[in-house]
Protein backbone atom coordinates (compact mmCIF):
# COMPACT_ATOMS: atom_id res chain seq x y z
CA MET A 1 113.32 127.58 116.80
CA ALA A 2 112.85 131.21 117.86
CA VAL A 3 111.88 132.35 121.35
CA ASN A 4 110.41 135.80 122.03
CA LEU A 5 109.84 137.22 125.53
CA VAL A 6 107.42 140.04 126.35
CA MET A 7 107.28 141.27 129.96
CA TYR A 8 104.33 143.11 131.53
CA ASP A 9 104.22 145.22 134.71
CA ALA A 10 101.49 145.23 137.40
CA ASP A 11 99.27 147.42 135.17
CA ASN A 12 99.62 144.95 132.28
CA VAL A 13 101.79 147.40 130.32
CA VAL A 14 104.76 146.09 128.33
CA THR A 15 108.07 146.72 130.11
CA THR A 16 111.74 145.95 129.58
CA ASN A 17 112.55 146.44 133.27
CA THR A 18 112.85 143.04 134.96
CA ALA A 19 112.36 144.63 138.40
CA LEU A 20 108.88 145.83 137.35
CA ALA A 21 107.88 142.71 135.42
CA LYS A 22 104.99 140.72 136.90
CA LYS A 23 104.03 138.64 133.87
CA TYR A 24 106.28 137.02 131.28
CA ILE A 25 104.96 135.68 127.99
CA TYR A 26 107.27 133.49 125.95
CA THR A 27 106.32 132.73 122.36
CA VAL A 28 108.15 129.75 120.88
CA THR A 29 108.07 129.48 117.10
CA PHE A 30 109.40 126.49 115.21
CA MET A 31 111.06 127.62 111.99
CA LYS A 32 110.69 124.31 110.14
CA ARG A 33 107.25 123.18 109.08
CA ILE A 34 106.33 119.72 110.25
CA ASN A 35 103.66 117.12 109.46
CA SER A 36 102.78 116.39 113.07
CA THR A 37 102.07 118.09 116.37
CA SER A 38 105.14 119.87 117.75
CA PHE A 39 104.46 118.49 121.23
CA THR A 40 101.79 116.42 122.90
CA SER A 41 102.63 116.99 126.57
CA TYR A 42 104.72 119.30 128.72
CA GLN A 43 106.08 119.51 132.23
CA VAL A 44 106.53 122.62 134.36
CA ILE A 45 109.38 122.38 136.85
CA PRO A 46 109.28 125.05 139.60
CA VAL A 47 112.60 126.55 140.64
CA GLY A 48 112.99 127.41 144.31
CA SER A 49 110.05 128.62 146.36
CA ILE A 50 108.71 131.10 143.81
CA SER A 51 104.98 130.72 143.18
CA SER A 52 103.92 131.06 139.56
CA THR A 53 100.97 130.34 137.33
CA VAL A 54 102.06 128.75 134.09
CA THR A 55 99.76 128.44 131.08
CA VAL A 56 100.90 126.54 128.02
CA MET A 57 98.91 127.03 124.84
CA PRO A 58 98.87 123.76 122.90
CA PRO A 59 99.76 123.78 119.22
CA TYR A 60 96.39 122.24 118.30
CA GLY A 61 92.92 122.64 119.72
CA ALA A 62 90.64 125.52 120.59
CA SER A 63 93.41 127.76 121.95
CA GLY A 64 96.33 126.61 119.80
CA THR A 65 97.65 127.32 116.34
CA PRO A 66 98.47 124.37 114.09
CA SER A 67 101.59 124.25 111.99
CA SER A 68 101.08 125.54 108.48
CA LYS A 69 101.08 122.94 105.73
CA PRO A 70 104.61 121.56 105.25
CA LEU A 71 106.51 122.22 102.07
CA SER A 72 106.48 119.52 99.44
CA GLY A 73 108.13 118.77 96.12
CA SER A 74 111.71 119.66 95.25
CA PHE A 75 113.85 122.69 94.51
CA VAL A 76 117.13 123.73 92.89
CA ILE A 77 119.72 126.18 94.27
CA LYS A 78 121.40 128.41 91.68
CA CYS A 79 124.64 130.28 92.47
CA PRO A 80 126.44 132.54 90.01
CA ASP A 81 130.22 132.92 90.29
CA PRO A 82 131.94 136.34 89.98
CA THR A 83 132.10 135.97 86.18
CA GLY A 84 128.36 135.38 85.94
CA LYS A 85 128.47 131.65 85.20
CA VAL A 86 125.55 129.97 86.98
CA PHE A 87 126.01 126.71 88.86
CA LYS A 88 123.03 124.80 90.13
CA THR A 89 122.43 121.80 92.36
CA ARG A 90 120.65 118.67 91.30
CA SER A 91 116.96 118.53 92.18
CA LEU A 92 116.67 118.43 96.00
CA LEU A 93 113.79 117.14 98.06
CA TYR A 94 112.11 119.76 100.27
CA ASN A 95 113.18 118.05 103.51
CA LYS A 96 116.93 117.84 102.95
CA ASP A 97 119.19 119.17 105.69
CA PRO A 98 121.97 121.61 104.66
CA GLN A 99 124.71 119.00 105.17
CA GLU A 100 122.97 116.77 102.61
CA ILE A 101 123.14 119.31 99.79
């Protein structure tokens, strides 16, 4: 998962100064493609007495972006050693975690 923050000042201009920031937009990107919705509900928990407006764009629907089609099939990893001899893995399914290779 990657999280990107862009802050805007009172004039809606991008800023890196937290003292001037009036609006924060976080973009959360999941790095692994999935077959299903990444979330179906969310909860906003206010901290302290700060008043905020929070908008969450759903992953699906009119304002959301669906996950791209997941990978499928299998693949092979090839690694040459310093002498040039190539070693390769057996055929791996697309959804294997690194510890399973």
